[in-house]
Amino acid sequence: MSAPADSMQQLAGALRSAAAKTADVVGGGIAIVFALGDAGVQDVRLRAAAGFAQPEEARRAGAAAAPHVRGALAGTADREIPAGALDLGPRVAGGLQVYPVRSGERLHGAVVVGAPAKFTPEQDELIAGLVDTIALHFDVARLDRECSELRSQLASGSVADGDKSDELLRLSEALFAQDIELLRSTEKLGKIERLKNDFIEKMSRELRTPLNSIIEAIISVLTGEDEALSEGAKSALRVALDEGTAFLRTLQNILDLWKIKQGELPVESQDVNFRELVDEAIFSVQDAIGDKPVRIETELAEPFPRLRTDLAKLNQILFLLLDNAVKFTPQGKVSIHGRVNEGVLEVAIQDDGIGICHDDQQFVFDEFYQVDEPSSHKYRGAGLGLTLVRDLIVLLDGEVAISSDIGRGTTVSFSIPLQTV
């Protein structure tokens, strides 16, 4: 591979990484990186994107954003893009901004950033730092390309050594200076990332420790003083226990999502009895069913072999899907279908619940997404369950899909490659 090709490949990887960090900074939003083509600001080209489930979705969003980017860079339009212009729902509910990518007087392109909520000053500062880093990557790639072209011309003898050698020396010095600047920028961003990780880990510890103590104390009182408590006191303690347990579970979901993003949630394979795992998940959601006329049925293909996969993650996936199905099913049935087909575990969880309209189905796996505001008060939750389900399944090299009709229920199906035992 030639040096320019190497440089372009490195640039592509750097832009993808920077886009992912930018989308992460705004809490599950989107980031699209554009580069200028030969025709300048009227020729913006999609180079990288993050926050999209499929490449085709990113391409559509890029095509929709391109006219706004051209206008913003040409000074004929505002840097703010209407949230509905890209048709991305709650991921960009907080607005979209165009950030020009410049190094000195040179304009390289732009970054479009969309967020679920309005940018905070801290987020805006972090994005500006990432945009500066993107500009440095563009500059390094440009200088590297120009140096390589000059070296090729000198080596072939197609140009005289004098002026071209001086030009090559100048470009090499500029490239070295930009490499140093890029290193400093990367080091600064790394420090910010470490501070953020330390903060999340500390807050996790500070919240979980007292919360566990509170839950254990409530359980102790309920079991040890049952006869001495009035019915009103018992009821209040059970509500406190349910609230505390739900909060602890939400906190754990947030931490697991964070660990997955940081690549810090390893996959560990164990022998798994899937039937026992399903029974355990069903038992775990009994409290969520309460007095509702809802029954859970299982249909596992016979014979069902023992499996080898990540026991804890599969357990978590089943619980989250069952809990979600039970939550949105006022009455009726929740069914679990499972089979192993050519080394792949195929599972579908079907409910008779309220269903999801077609327009909302593409967003249900997004962080903090809830189908509609009125129902979110009735059906409590932070909107993280299905996001974590998707990320855990992807971590296990699997796939997940959803189908639903309003008033007729929802089916979530997933498949995970595994080894049979």
Protein backbone atom coordinates (compact mmCIF):
# COMPACT_ATOMS: atom_id res chain seq x y z
CA MET A 1 0.00 0.00 0.00
CA SER A 2 1.32 3.46 -0.89
CA ALA A 3 2.02 6.14 1.68
CA PRO A 4 -0.96 8.33 0.59
CA ALA A 5 -3.27 5.30 0.87
CA ASP A 6 -1.90 4.59 4.35
CA SER A 7 -2.49 8.22 5.31
CA MET A 8 -6.08 8.19 4.04
CA GLN A 9 -6.78 4.95 5.89
CA GLN A 10 -5.40 6.43 9.10
CA LEU A 11 -7.50 9.55 8.56
CA ALA A 12 -10.66 7.50 8.06
CA GLY A 13 -10.03 5.60 11.30
CA ALA A 14 -9.28 8.82 13.20
CA LEU A 15 -12.47 10.47 11.93
CA ARG A 16 -14.61 7.46 12.92
CA SER A 17 -13.09 7.48 16.39
CA ALA A 18 -13.59 11.25 16.79
CA ALA A 19 -17.20 10.99 15.61
CA ALA A 20 -17.89 8.23 18.16
CA LYS A 21 -16.37 10.31 20.97
CA THR A 22 -18.42 13.34 19.93
CA ALA A 23 -21.69 11.37 19.93
CA ASP A 24 -20.74 10.01 23.35
CA VAL A 25 -20.05 13.51 24.73
CA VAL A 26 -23.63 14.59 24.04
CA GLY A 27 -25.14 11.51 25.71
CA GLY A 28 -26.30 9.21 22.96
CA GLY A 29 -26.70 11.74 20.15
CA ILE A 30 -25.26 11.72 16.64
CA ALA A 31 -22.16 13.11 14.95
CA ILE A 32 -21.53 13.44 11.21
CA VAL A 33 -18.15 14.49 9.78
CA PHE A 34 -18.02 16.18 6.37
CA ALA A 35 -14.96 17.04 4.28
CA LEU A 36 -14.72 19.63 1.51
CA GLY A 37 -14.41 18.31 -2.02
CA ASP A 38 -12.67 19.95 -4.98
CA ALA A 39 -15.46 22.54 -5.38
CA GLY A 40 -15.05 23.88 -1.85
CA VAL A 41 -18.04 24.60 0.40
CA GLN A 42 -20.48 23.62 -2.33
CA ASP A 43 -19.00 20.13 -2.38
CA VAL A 44 -19.27 18.65 1.13
CA ARG A 45 -18.80 14.90 1.42
CA LEU A 46 -19.71 12.51 4.21
CA ARG A 47 -16.56 11.03 5.76
CA ALA A 48 -17.64 9.52 9.10
CA ALA A 49 -20.67 9.18 11.36
CA ALA A 50 -21.61 7.84 14.77
CA GLY A 51 -24.83 7.26 16.70
CA PHE A 52 -26.62 5.42 13.89
CA ALA A 53 -27.85 1.82 13.95
CA GLN A 54 -27.19 1.21 10.24
CA PRO A 55 -24.84 2.73 7.62
CA GLU A 56 -27.81 3.50 5.38
CA GLU A 57 -29.39 5.59 8.13
CA ALA A 58 -26.14 7.57 8.44
CA ARG A 59 -26.04 8.14 4.68
CA ARG A 60 -29.64 9.42 4.66
CA ALA A 61 -28.92 11.76 7.57
CA GLY A 62 -25.75 12.98 5.84
CA ALA A 63 -27.66 13.72 2.64
CA ALA A 64 -30.32 15.63 4.61
CA ALA A 65 -27.71 17.61 6.55
CA ALA A 66 -25.48 18.47 3.57
CA PRO A 67 -27.50 21.50 2.31
CA HIS A 68 -27.52 23.00 5.82
CA VAL A 69 -23.76 22.42 6.12
CA ARG A 70 -23.10 24.12 2.77
CA GLY A 71 -25.16 27.11 3.85
CA ALA A 72 -23.47 27.35 7.25
CA LEU A 73 -19.97 27.16 5.78
CA ALA A 74 -20.81 29.67 3.05
CA GLY A 75 -22.24 32.08 5.62
CA THR A 76 -25.70 32.04 4.04
CA ALA A 77 -27.39 29.96 6.76
CA ASP A 78 -27.31 29.65 10.53
CA ARG A 79 -25.19 27.02 12.26
CA GLU A 80 -28.29 25.63 13.95
CA ILE A 81 -30.23 22.97 12.02
CA PRO A 82 -33.92 22.35 12.81
CA ALA A 83 -34.28 19.12 14.77
CA GLY A 84 -36.83 17.74 12.31
CA ALA A 85 -34.59 18.27 9.27
CA LEU A 86 -32.81 14.92 9.74
CA ASP A 87 -35.87 12.93 10.94
CA LEU A 88 -33.95 11.26 13.79
CA GLY A 89 -36.53 11.61 16.54
CA PRO A 90 -35.40 11.96 20.17
CA ARG A 91 -31.71 11.52 19.40
CA VAL A 92 -31.60 15.12 18.19
CA ALA A 93 -34.49 16.57 20.21
CA GLY A 94 -32.06 18.99 21.86
CA GLY A 95 -31.03 20.45 18.51
CA LEU A 96 -28.34 20.16 15.83
CA GLN A 97 -25.25 22.31 15.41
CA VAL A 98 -22.77 22.72 12.57
CA TYR A 99 -19.16 23.08 13.75
CA PRO A 100 -16.73 24.26 11.01
CA VAL A 101 -13.49 22.27 10.95
CA ARG A 102 -10.58 24.73 10.52
CA SER A 103 -6.85 24.79 11.07
CA GLY A 104 -5.65 28.37 10.81
CA GLU A 105 -7.20 29.89 7.69
CA ARG A 106 -7.73 26.51 6.05
CA LEU A 107 -11.29 25.11 6.07
CA HIS A 108 -11.40 21.32 5.95
CA GLY A 109 -15.11 20.63 6.42
CA ALA A 110 -17.65 20.49 9.22
CA VAL A 111 -19.05 18.33 12.00
CA VAL A 112 -22.80 18.14 12.59
CA VAL A 113 -23.70 17.22 16.17
CA GLY A 114 -27.17 16.38 17.43
CA ALA A 115 -28.13 15.67 21.04
CA PRO A 116 -31.17 14.35 22.95
CA ALA A 117 -31.05 17.47 25.15
CA LYS A 118 -29.77 21.03 24.77
CA PHE A 119 -25.97 21.24 24.85
CA THR A 120 -24.44 22.25 28.14
CA PRO A 121 -21.48 24.70 28.11
CA GLU A 122 -19.22 21.81 29.19
CA GLN A 123 -20.40 19.65 26.29
CA ASP A 124 -19.93 22.51 23.84
CA GLU A 125 -16.35 22.97 25.09
CA LEU A 126 -15.60 19.26 24.71
CA ILE A 127 -17.06 19.22 21.20
CA ALA A 128 -14.93 22.23 20.24
CA GLY A 129 -11.84 20.34 21.43
CA LEU A 130 -12.80 17.27 19.40
CA VAL A 131 -13.43 19.43 16.32
CA ASP A 132 -9.95 20.96 16.72
CA THR A 133 -8.53 17.43 16.88
CA ILE A 134 -10.40 16.51 13.69
CA ALA A 135 -8.88 19.58 11.99
CA LEU A 136 -5.42 18.42 13.05
CA HIS A 137 -6.08 14.96 11.58
CA PHE A 138 -7.11 16.55 8.27
CA ASP A 139 -3.98 18.73 8.31
CA VAL A 140 -1.66 15.82 9.07
CA ALA A 141 -3.19 13.75 6.25
CA ARG A 142 -2.83 16.67 3.81
CA LEU A 143 0.80 17.35 4.73
CA ASP A 144 1.65 13.66 4.61
CA ARG A 145 0.11 13.39 1.15
CA GLU A 146 2.02 16.44 -0.14
CA CYS A 147 5.29 15.11 1.32
CA SER A 148 4.75 11.73 -0.33
CA GLU A 149 4.04 13.34 -3.70
CA LEU A 150 7.23 15.43 -3.50
CA ARG A 151 9.31 12.42 -2.51
CA SER A 152 7.96 10.49 -5.49
CA GLN A 153 8.78 13.36 -7.85
CA LEU A 154 12.33 13.68 -6.47
CA ALA A 155 12.88 9.93 -6.61
CA SER A 156 11.73 9.73 -10.24
CA GLY A 157 13.93 12.67 -11.26
CA SER A 158 10.95 14.42 -12.86
CA VAL A 159 11.79 17.66 -11.00
CA ALA A 160 15.01 19.46 -10.04
CA ASP A 161 16.31 18.87 -6.54
CA GLY A 162 16.73 22.51 -5.44
CA ASP A 163 13.40 24.18 -4.82
CA LYS A 164 11.53 20.90 -4.36
CA SER A 165 13.97 19.75 -1.69
CA ASP A 166 13.43 23.00 0.20
CA GLU A 167 9.68 22.56 -0.15
CA LEU A 168 9.91 18.98 1.12
CA LEU A 169 11.91 20.14 4.14
CA ARG A 170 9.31 22.82 4.88
CA LEU A 171 6.44 20.34 4.60
CA SER A 172 8.26 17.80 6.77
CA GLU A 173 8.79 20.41 9.48
CA ALA A 174 5.12 21.42 9.30
CA LEU A 175 4.07 17.78 9.48
CA PHE A 176 6.26 17.22 12.54
CA ALA A 177 4.77 20.30 14.22
CA GLN A 178 1.22 19.11 13.53
CA ASP A 179 2.09 15.63 14.83
CA ILE A 180 3.23 17.23 18.11
CA GLU A 181 0.07 19.35 18.29
CA LEU A 182 -2.10 16.29 17.59
CA LEU A 183 -0.30 14.39 20.35
CA ARG A 184 -1.00 17.22 22.80
CA SER A 185 -4.65 17.37 21.78
CA THR A 186 -5.05 13.60 22.13
CA GLU A 187 -3.36 13.68 25.53
CA LYS A 188 -5.73 16.43 26.70
CA LEU A 189 -8.80 14.50 25.53
CA GLY A 190 -7.42 11.39 27.22
CA LYS A 191 -7.17 13.25 30.53
CA ILE A 192 -10.77 14.43 30.18
CA GLU A 193 -11.88 10.86 29.43
CA ARG A 194 -10.05 9.52 32.49
CA LEU A 195 -11.60 12.18 34.71
CA LYS A 196 -15.04 11.27 33.39
CA ASN A 197 -14.43 7.55 34.00
CA ASP A 198 -13.19 8.24 37.53
CA PHE A 199 -16.25 10.38 38.25
CA ILE A 200 -18.69 7.70 37.06
CA GLU A 201 -16.93 4.96 39.02
CA LYS A 202 -16.86 7.10 42.17
CA MET A 203 -20.51 8.11 41.88
CA SER A 204 -21.43 4.47 41.30
CA ARG A 205 -19.68 3.43 44.47
CA GLU A 206 -21.05 6.35 46.49
CA LEU A 207 -24.62 5.62 45.40
CA ARG A 208 -24.67 1.84 45.45
CA THR A 209 -23.13 1.38 48.91
CA PRO A 210 -25.78 3.31 50.90
CA LEU A 211 -28.56 2.09 48.60
CA ASN A 212 -27.68 -1.56 49.27
CA SER A 213 -27.64 -0.83 53.00
CA ILE A 214 -31.09 0.78 52.81
CA ILE A 215 -32.55 -2.16 50.88
CA GLU A 216 -31.03 -4.68 53.30
CA ALA A 217 -32.39 -2.71 56.29
CA ILE A 218 -35.92 -2.67 54.83
CA ILE A 219 -35.81 -6.40 54.13
CA SER A 220 -34.55 -7.03 57.66
CA VAL A 221 -37.41 -5.03 59.20
CA LEU A 222 -40.05 -6.68 57.00
CA THR A 223 -38.85 -10.20 57.83
CA GLY A 224 -37.93 -9.68 61.50
CA GLU A 225 -40.74 -7.42 62.68
CA ASP A 226 -43.55 -8.65 60.45
CA GLU A 227 -46.07 -9.32 63.24
CA ALA A 228 -45.34 -6.05 65.06
CA LEU A 229 -45.90 -3.88 61.98
CA SER A 230 -49.24 -2.44 60.96
CA GLU A 231 -50.52 -3.11 57.46
CA GLY A 232 -49.89 0.54 56.60
CA ALA A 233 -46.26 0.30 57.72
CA LYS A 234 -45.75 -2.92 55.78
CA SER A 235 -47.22 -1.37 52.66
CA ALA A 236 -45.01 1.73 52.97
CA LEU A 237 -41.89 -0.41 53.46
CA ARG A 238 -42.73 -2.58 50.45
CA VAL A 239 -43.14 0.54 48.30
CA ALA A 240 -39.78 1.84 49.57
CA LEU A 241 -38.20 -1.55 48.82
CA ASP A 242 -39.63 -1.58 45.29
CA GLU A 243 -38.46 1.99 44.64
CA GLY A 244 -34.99 1.29 46.01
CA THR A 245 -34.61 -1.91 44.01
CA ALA A 246 -35.78 -0.18 40.81
CA PHE A 247 -33.32 2.67 41.38
CA LEU A 248 -30.47 0.23 42.01
CA ARG A 249 -31.34 -1.64 38.82
CA THR A 250 -31.42 1.60 36.80
CA LEU A 251 -28.04 2.59 38.21
CA GLN A 252 -26.60 -0.79 37.29
CA ASN A 253 -28.01 -0.49 33.76
CA ILE A 254 -26.32 2.90 33.34
CA LEU A 255 -23.01 1.48 34.54
CA ASP A 256 -23.25 -1.56 32.26
CA LEU A 257 -23.98 0.66 29.26
CA TRP A 258 -20.99 2.81 30.16
CA LYS A 259 -18.72 -0.24 30.51
CA ILE A 260 -19.83 -1.56 27.13
CA LYS A 261 -19.02 1.79 25.49
CA GLN A 262 -15.59 1.77 27.11
CA GLY A 263 -14.95 -1.86 26.11
CA GLU A 264 -14.72 -2.81 29.79
CA LEU A 265 -17.46 -5.46 29.94
CA PRO A 266 -15.72 -8.71 28.95
CA VAL A 267 -17.54 -11.76 27.58
CA GLU A 268 -17.12 -14.89 29.68
CA SER A 269 -18.39 -18.25 28.44
CA GLN A 270 -19.94 -20.82 30.76
CA ASP A 271 -22.14 -23.89 30.43
CA VAL A 272 -25.77 -22.72 30.48
CA ASN A 273 -28.99 -24.60 31.19
CA PHE A 274 -31.37 -22.39 29.24
CA ARG A 275 -34.51 -23.83 30.82
CA GLU A 276 -33.26 -22.96 34.30
CA LEU A 277 -32.28 -19.50 33.09
CA VAL A 278 -35.79 -18.89 31.74
CA ASP A 279 -37.37 -20.12 34.99
CA GLU A 280 -35.11 -17.78 36.97
CA ALA A 281 -36.06 -14.79 34.78
CA ILE A 282 -39.77 -15.60 35.14
CA PHE A 283 -39.42 -15.77 38.93
CA SER A 284 -37.59 -12.41 38.95
CA VAL A 285 -40.48 -10.55 37.28
CA GLN A 286 -43.26 -11.89 39.51
CA ASP A 287 -43.23 -8.73 41.62
CA ALA A 288 -43.68 -6.64 38.47
CA ILE A 289 -46.78 -8.69 37.59
CA GLY A 290 -48.31 -8.16 41.03
CA ASP A 291 -52.10 -8.52 40.87
CA LYS A 292 -52.35 -8.07 37.10
CA PRO A 293 -54.08 -10.92 35.20
CA VAL A 294 -50.93 -11.73 33.26
CA ARG A 295 -49.49 -15.21 32.76
CA ILE A 296 -46.12 -16.23 31.33
CA GLU A 297 -45.82 -19.28 29.10
CA THR A 298 -42.73 -20.98 27.69
CA GLU A 299 -42.30 -22.90 24.48
CA LEU A 300 -38.83 -24.39 24.10
CA ALA A 301 -38.09 -26.70 21.19
CA GLU A 302 -37.39 -30.30 22.16
CA PRO A 303 -34.80 -31.54 22.78
CA PHE A 304 -33.16 -28.39 24.12
CA PRO A 305 -29.40 -28.87 24.48
CA ARG A 306 -27.13 -27.38 27.12
CA LEU A 307 -25.40 -24.30 25.77
CA ARG A 308 -22.16 -22.42 26.16
CA THR A 309 -22.32 -18.62 26.27
CA ASP A 310 -22.09 -15.75 28.77
CA LEU A 311 -24.48 -16.82 31.52
CA ALA A 312 -24.78 -13.45 33.29
CA LYS A 313 -25.40 -11.45 30.12
CA LEU A 314 -27.98 -13.89 28.74
CA ASN A 315 -29.72 -13.85 32.14
CA GLN A 316 -29.75 -10.04 32.06
CA ILE A 317 -31.15 -9.97 28.51
CA LEU A 318 -33.99 -12.35 29.41
CA PHE A 319 -34.88 -10.44 32.57
CA LEU A 320 -34.90 -7.03 30.83
CA LEU A 321 -37.08 -8.29 27.97
CA LEU A 322 -39.50 -10.09 30.29
CA ASP A 323 -39.69 -7.12 32.64
CA ASN A 324 -40.45 -4.83 29.70
CA ALA A 325 -43.10 -7.19 28.31
CA VAL A 326 -44.82 -7.56 31.69
CA LYS A 327 -44.70 -3.80 32.33
CA PHE A 328 -46.60 -2.97 29.14
CA THR A 329 -49.11 -5.84 29.34
CA PRO A 330 -52.13 -4.91 31.49
CA GLN A 331 -53.67 -8.35 30.99
CA GLY A 332 -53.19 -11.44 28.86
CA LYS A 333 -50.13 -13.51 28.06
CA VAL A 334 -46.38 -13.20 27.69
CA SER A 335 -44.77 -16.05 25.74
CA ILE A 336 -41.13 -17.11 25.55
CA HIS A 337 -40.18 -19.11 22.48
CA GLY A 338 -36.70 -20.60 22.18
CA ARG A 339 -34.75 -23.02 20.04
CA VAL A 340 -31.22 -23.80 18.91
CA ASN A 341 -30.82 -23.74 15.15
CA GLU A 342 -27.44 -24.64 13.61
CA GLY A 343 -25.41 -23.38 16.55
CA VAL A 344 -27.51 -20.24 17.05
CA LEU A 345 -29.84 -19.58 20.00
CA GLU A 346 -33.07 -18.05 18.67
CA VAL A 347 -35.44 -16.49 21.22
CA ALA A 348 -38.66 -14.51 20.85
CA ILE A 349 -40.60 -12.86 23.67
CA GLN A 350 -44.15 -12.02 22.67
CA ASP A 351 -46.71 -10.10 24.71
CA ASP A 352 -50.36 -9.05 24.48
CA GLY A 353 -49.53 -5.54 25.63
CA ILE A 354 -50.28 -2.02 24.45
CA GLY A 355 -47.98 -2.25 21.43
CA ILE A 356 -45.78 0.35 19.73
CA CYS A 357 -46.71 2.40 16.67
CA HIS A 358 -44.63 1.87 13.54
CA ASP A 359 -43.00 5.33 13.64
CA ASP A 360 -41.67 4.74 17.16
CA GLN A 361 -40.25 1.25 16.57
CA GLN A 362 -37.04 2.53 14.96
CA PHE A 363 -36.20 4.48 18.13
CA VAL A 364 -37.04 2.03 20.94
CA PHE A 365 -33.42 0.86 21.27
CA ASP A 366 -32.14 4.44 21.69
CA GLU A 367 -30.92 5.57 25.11
CA PHE A 368 -33.58 7.17 27.36
CA TYR A 369 -36.23 6.81 24.66
CA GLN A 370 -39.80 6.37 25.87
CA VAL A 371 -42.64 5.86 23.43
CA ASP A 372 -44.63 8.89 24.55
CA GLU A 373 -44.57 11.26 27.48
CA PRO A 374 -48.03 10.50 28.91
CA SER A 375 -47.38 6.75 29.01
CA SER A 376 -43.93 7.24 30.54
CA HIS A 377 -45.60 8.43 33.76
CA LYS A 378 -47.84 5.39 33.90
CA TYR A 379 -45.17 2.89 32.85
CA ARG A 380 -42.15 3.86 34.89
CA GLY A 381 -38.60 3.45 33.68
CA ALA A 382 -35.58 5.39 32.45
CA GLY A 383 -35.74 4.16 28.85
CA LEU A 384 -32.50 2.18 29.14
CA GLY A 385 -33.70 -1.44 29.22
CA LEU A 386 -33.95 -2.07 25.49
CA THR A 387 -30.78 -0.07 24.84
CA LEU A 388 -28.88 -2.35 27.19
CA VAL A 389 -30.52 -5.42 25.64
CA ARG A 390 -29.32 -4.35 22.19
CA ASP A 391 -25.79 -3.58 23.37
CA LEU A 392 -25.48 -6.87 25.30
CA ILE A 393 -26.70 -8.86 22.29
CA VAL A 394 -24.26 -7.03 19.98
CA LEU A 395 -21.50 -7.74 22.52
CA LEU A 396 -22.35 -11.44 22.15
CA ASP A 397 -22.17 -11.09 18.32
CA GLY A 398 -25.94 -11.48 18.07
CA GLU A 399 -28.83 -9.62 16.46
CA VAL A 400 -32.11 -8.23 17.79
CA ALA A 401 -35.35 -7.15 16.11
CA ILE A 402 -38.75 -5.84 17.17
CA SER A 403 -42.22 -5.97 15.63
CA SER A 404 -45.39 -4.53 17.09
CA ASP A 405 -48.93 -3.30 16.46
CA ILE A 406 -50.83 -0.80 18.59
CA GLY A 407 -53.20 -2.64 20.91
CA ARG A 408 -52.05 -6.07 19.71
CA GLY A 409 -48.75 -6.54 21.50
CA THR A 410 -45.04 -6.64 20.76
CA THR A 411 -42.52 -9.32 19.83
CA VAL A 412 -38.80 -8.88 20.50
CA SER A 413 -36.64 -11.56 18.94
CA PHE A 414 -32.90 -12.11 19.18
CA SER A 415 -30.31 -14.61 18.07
CA ILE A 416 -26.90 -15.35 19.56
CA PRO A 417 -24.22 -17.67 18.15
CA LEU A 418 -23.07 -20.23 20.70
CA GLN A 419 -21.59 -23.65 21.30
CA THR A 420 -23.76 -26.56 22.34
CA VAL A 421 -22.44 -28.76 25.16
